[in-house]
Structures are given as structure tokens and as C-alpha cells.
C-alpha atoms as a PDB file:
ATOM      1  CA  MET A   1      -7.317  27.979  -4.611  1.00  0.00           C
ATOM      2  CA  GLN A   2      -7.810  26.201  -7.908  1.00  0.00           C
ATOM      3  CA  ARG A   3      -5.323  25.268 -10.606  1.00  0.00           C
ATOM      4  CA  GLY A   4      -6.567  23.319 -13.608  1.00  0.00           C
ATOM      5  CA  ASP A   5      -8.350  20.164 -12.442  1.00  0.00           C
ATOM      6  CA  VAL A   6      -7.060  20.492  -8.873  1.00  0.00           C
ATOM      7  CA  THR A   7      -8.323  22.611  -5.982  1.00  0.00           C
ATOM      8  CA  TYR A   8      -6.911  23.132  -2.497  1.00  0.00           C
ATOM      9  CA  ILE A   9      -9.229  22.073   0.342  1.00  0.00           C
ATOM     10  CA  GLN A  10      -8.054  23.881   3.459  1.00  0.00           C
ATOM     11  CA  ARG A  11     -10.012  21.669   5.857  1.00  0.00           C
ATOM     12  CA  LEU A  12      -8.282  18.577   4.453  1.00  0.00           C
ATOM     13  CA  ASN A  13      -4.976  20.421   4.052  1.00  0.00           C
ATOM     14  CA  LYS A  14      -4.449  18.919   0.614  1.00  0.00           C
ATOM     15  CA  TYR A  15      -5.166  19.348  -3.068  1.00  0.00           C
ATOM     16  CA  CYS A  16      -8.047  17.325  -4.545  1.00  0.00           C
ATOM     17  CA  LYS A  17      -8.572  16.438  -8.206  1.00  0.00           C
ATOM     18  CA  PHE A  18     -11.841  17.076 -10.003  1.00  0.00           C
ATOM     19  CA  PHE A  19     -13.469  14.263 -11.930  1.00  0.00           C
ATOM     20  CA  SER A  20     -13.698  15.799 -15.394  1.00  0.00           C
ATOM     21  CA  ASP A  21     -13.846  12.876 -17.799  1.00  0.00           C
ATOM     22  CA  TRP A  22     -17.651  12.833 -18.170  1.00  0.00           C
ATOM     23  CA  ASP A  23     -17.442  12.418 -21.953  1.00  0.00           C
ATOM     24  CA  ASN A  24     -16.127   8.876 -21.559  1.00  0.00           C
ATOM     25  CA  VAL A  25     -18.897   7.618 -19.271  1.00  0.00           C
ATOM     26  CA  PRO A  26     -20.665   4.687 -20.972  1.00  0.00           C
ATOM     27  CA  ASN A  27     -24.075   5.705 -22.312  1.00  0.00           C
ATOM     28  CA  VAL A  28     -25.806   2.441 -21.472  1.00  0.00           C
ATOM     29  CA  ILE A  29     -25.436   0.831 -18.073  1.00  0.00           C
ATOM     30  CA  SER A  30     -26.203  -2.859 -17.763  1.00  0.00           C
ATOM     31  CA  GLN A  31     -29.264  -3.979 -15.858  1.00  0.00           C
ATOM     32  CA  PRO A  32     -28.604  -5.464 -12.390  1.00  0.00           C
ATOM     33  CA  ASN A  33     -28.899  -9.079 -13.584  1.00  0.00           C
ATOM     34  CA  GLU A  34     -26.808  -8.628 -16.740  1.00  0.00           C
ATOM     35  CA  ALA A  35     -23.060  -9.073 -17.051  1.00  0.00           C
ATOM     36  CA  LEU A  36     -21.073  -5.869 -17.354  1.00  0.00           C
ATOM     37  CA  LYS A  37     -19.963  -4.894 -20.839  1.00  0.00           C
ATOM     38  CA  PRO A  38     -16.195  -4.657 -21.465  1.00  0.00           C
ATOM     39  CA  GLU A  39     -16.327  -0.860 -21.873  1.00  0.00           C
ATOM     40  CA  GLU A  40     -18.155  -0.560 -18.538  1.00  0.00           C
ATOM     41  CA  VAL A  41     -15.547  -2.704 -16.781  1.00  0.00           C
ATOM     42  CA  GLU A  42     -12.761  -0.639 -18.332  1.00  0.00           C
ATOM     43  CA  PHE A  43     -14.453   2.598 -17.249  1.00  0.00           C
ATOM     44  CA  LEU A  44     -14.838   1.290 -13.687  1.00  0.00           C
ATOM     45  CA  LYS A  45     -11.196   0.184 -13.540  1.00  0.00           C
ATOM     46  CA  LYS A  46      -9.983   3.503 -14.907  1.00  0.00           C
ATOM     47  CA  ASN A  47     -12.106   5.627 -12.558  1.00  0.00           C
ATOM     48  CA  LEU A  48     -12.241   3.491  -9.412  1.00  0.00           C
ATOM     49  CA  GLY A  49     -10.382   6.065  -7.307  1.00  0.00           C
ATOM     50  CA  ALA A  50     -12.649   8.922  -8.395  1.00  0.00           C
ATOM     51  CA  ILE A  51     -15.765   6.797  -7.813  1.00  0.00           C
ATOM     52  CA  LYS A  52     -14.592   5.901  -4.296  1.00  0.00           C
ATOM     53  CA  GLN A  53     -13.914   9.566  -3.588  1.00  0.00           C
ATOM     54  CA  LEU A  54     -17.382  10.564  -4.812  1.00  0.00           C
ATOM     55  CA  LEU A  55     -19.003   7.857  -2.680  1.00  0.00           C
ATOM     56  CA  GLY A  56     -17.034   9.055   0.334  1.00  0.00           C
ATOM     57  CA  LEU A  57     -18.194  12.618  -0.253  1.00  0.00           C
ATOM     58  CA  TYR A  58     -21.790  11.430  -0.615  1.00  0.00           C
ATOM     59  CA  ARG A  59     -21.671   9.320   2.540  1.00  0.00           C
ATOM     60  CA  ASN A  60     -20.116  12.136   4.546  1.00  0.00           C
ATOM     61  CA  GLN A  61     -22.456  14.694   2.950  1.00  0.00           C
ATOM     62  CA  GLU A  62     -19.491  16.903   2.114  1.00  0.00           C
ATOM     63  CA  LEU A  63     -20.090  19.912  -0.067  1.00  0.00           C
ATOM     64  CA  VAL A  64     -18.570  19.842  -3.523  1.00  0.00           C
ATOM     65  CA  ILE A  65     -18.501  23.158  -5.367  1.00  0.00           C
ATOM     66  CA  ASN A  66     -19.481  22.720  -9.003  1.00  0.00           C
ATOM     67  CA  ARG A  67     -16.652  23.380 -11.441  1.00  0.00           C
ATOM     68  CA  GLU A  68     -18.909  25.779 -13.376  1.00  0.00           C
ATOM     69  CA  VAL A  69     -19.303  27.951 -10.278  1.00  0.00           C
ATOM     70  CA  LEU A  70     -15.550  28.185  -9.787  1.00  0.00           C
ATOM     71  CA  LYS A  71     -14.624  28.917 -13.397  1.00  0.00           C
ATOM     72  CA  MET A  72     -17.303  31.497 -14.142  1.00  0.00           C
ATOM     73  CA  GLY A  73     -16.397  35.178 -14.335  1.00  0.00           C
ATOM     74  CA  PHE A  74     -17.404  37.297 -11.385  1.00  0.00           C
ATOM     75  CA  THR A  75     -20.000  40.071 -11.316  1.00  0.00           C
ATOM     76  CA  ASN A  76     -20.616  42.538  -8.508  1.00  0.00           C
ATOM     77  CA  ARG A  77     -24.264  42.725  -7.443  1.00  0.00           C
ATOM     78  CA  THR A  78     -26.085  44.259  -4.528  1.00  0.00           C
ATOM     79  CA  PHE A  79     -28.895  42.269  -2.943  1.00  0.00           C
ATOM     80  CA  LYS A  80     -31.235  43.069  -0.100  1.00  0.00           C
ATOM     81  CA  LEU A  81     -31.519  40.104   2.235  1.00  0.00           C
ATOM     82  CA  ASN A  82     -33.159  39.499   5.551  1.00  0.00           C
ATOM     83  CA  ASP A  83     -30.571  40.166   8.296  1.00  0.00           C
ATOM     84  CA  ASN A  84     -31.351  36.954  10.167  1.00  0.00           C
ATOM     85  CA  VAL A  85     -31.115  34.810   7.024  1.00  0.00           C
ATOM     86  CA  PHE A  86     -27.793  36.321   5.994  1.00  0.00           C
ATOM     87  CA  THR A  87     -26.336  36.065   9.504  1.00  0.00           C
ATOM     88  CA  CYS A  88     -27.475  32.460   9.796  1.00  0.00           C
ATOM     89  CA  PHE A  89     -26.012  31.645   6.358  1.00  0.00           C
ATOM     90  CA  THR A  90     -22.638  33.291   6.989  1.00  0.00           C
ATOM     91  CA  ASN A  91     -22.291  31.705  10.437  1.00  0.00           C
ATOM     92  CA  PHE A  92     -23.154  28.297   8.984  1.00  0.00           C
ATOM     93  CA  CYS A  93     -20.604  28.769   6.205  1.00  0.00           C
ATOM     94  CA  LYS A  94     -17.850  29.855   8.594  1.00  0.00           C
ATOM     95  CA  GLU A  95     -18.483  26.901  10.924  1.00  0.00           C
ATOM     96  CA  GLN A  96     -19.112  24.135   8.387  1.00  0.00           C
ATOM     97  CA  TYR A  97     -17.141  25.221   5.312  1.00  0.00           C
ATOM     98  CA  PRO A  98     -14.317  27.569   6.333  1.00  0.00           C
ATOM     99  CA  GLN A  99     -12.242  26.414   3.345  1.00  0.00           C
ATOM    100  CA  TYR A 100     -14.662  28.096   0.904  1.00  0.00           C
ATOM    101  CA  ARG A 101     -15.298  31.755   0.248  1.00  0.00           C
ATOM    102  CA  ILE A 102     -18.816  33.056   0.896  1.00  0.00           C
ATOM    103  CA  GLN A 103     -19.079  34.128  -2.764  1.00  0.00           C
ATOM    104  CA  ASP A 104     -18.408  30.534  -3.893  1.00  0.00           C
ATOM    105  CA  LEU A 105     -21.043  29.146  -1.523  1.00  0.00           C
ATOM    106  CA  ILE A 106     -23.624  31.707  -2.656  1.00  0.00           C
ATOM    107  CA  GLY A 107     -22.740  30.874  -6.265  1.00  0.00           C
ATOM    108  CA  GLN A 108     -23.181  27.154  -5.564  1.00  0.00           C
ATOM    109  CA  ALA A 109     -26.533  27.777  -3.848  1.00  0.00           C
ATOM    110  CA  LEU A 110     -27.780  29.824  -6.818  1.00  0.00           C
ATOM    111  CA  TRP A 111     -26.449  27.218  -9.275  1.00  0.00           C
ATOM    112  CA  GLU A 112     -28.251  24.397  -7.448  1.00  0.00           C
ATOM    113  CA  PHE A 113     -31.465  26.460  -7.311  1.00  0.00           C
ATOM    114  CA  VAL A 114     -31.381  27.042 -11.075  1.00  0.00           C
ATOM    115  CA  LYS A 115     -30.661  23.378 -11.825  1.00  0.00           C
ATOM    116  CA  LYS A 116     -33.381  22.171  -9.432  1.00  0.00           C
ATOM    117  CA  TYR A 117     -36.185  24.471 -10.558  1.00  0.00           C
ATOM    118  CA  SER A 118     -35.508  25.088 -14.259  1.00  0.00           C
ATOM    119  CA  LYS A 119     -37.701  23.123 -16.655  1.00  0.00           C
END
């Protein structure tokens, strides 16, 4: 369930906030040997909790559904899929990500495919 910038994660039994302030990310990041600029330090201070959460998700390889997938309108489509592929996919989803609906996971998979292979 999603409300605004917060979504309920059943597996964690809590609501989690989306990081949505991408417009305020500094455009230029200092080189490793340079001192951080004041706006970069301020950004890091302001978003430290969200950065830690993102790092935790990355380290644990947890799935994060893209906000665009969740806010898009829904369309009914019929697809022909290989039985074994679909069974494997649905079983995997039920075991690993029971907090998500199959339609959201399929939407995320299609979204990632488009982003990966579009030029």
C-alpha cells in the first residue's frame, strides 16, 4: 500500500519513505582528493538517513520498486508466456517478495528492461 512518499513493506511490517528529493542533488561531486564543497556537505547532512537506507538496501540486495512503476495507471494485457518461466517467476516472487503484488514485480521487470536496453 502506498500513500504519498510512503509505502508499506509487509515483510518489514512498517512504512518506508521514498527518497524523492533528486532535484537538490549537487550537480558536481568533488574528486576523491578534493575537499567537499559546502553544498555537498549540507546535502549529505540533510540526506544521511536516506543514504544509509539506500546503502543497506544495496548491501542486502533488496528489491526497490521504482516510484514510476507504482504511480503509473494500469492497463490490462494478455501475454503468452512459457509455462515453466511463469511458474518459476511466480514461485520466486511469492518466496522472495511476498510483500509485492505480481503486477508490480512484472512492471518493475519491464521498467528495468526498457531502461537497460533503450538507447
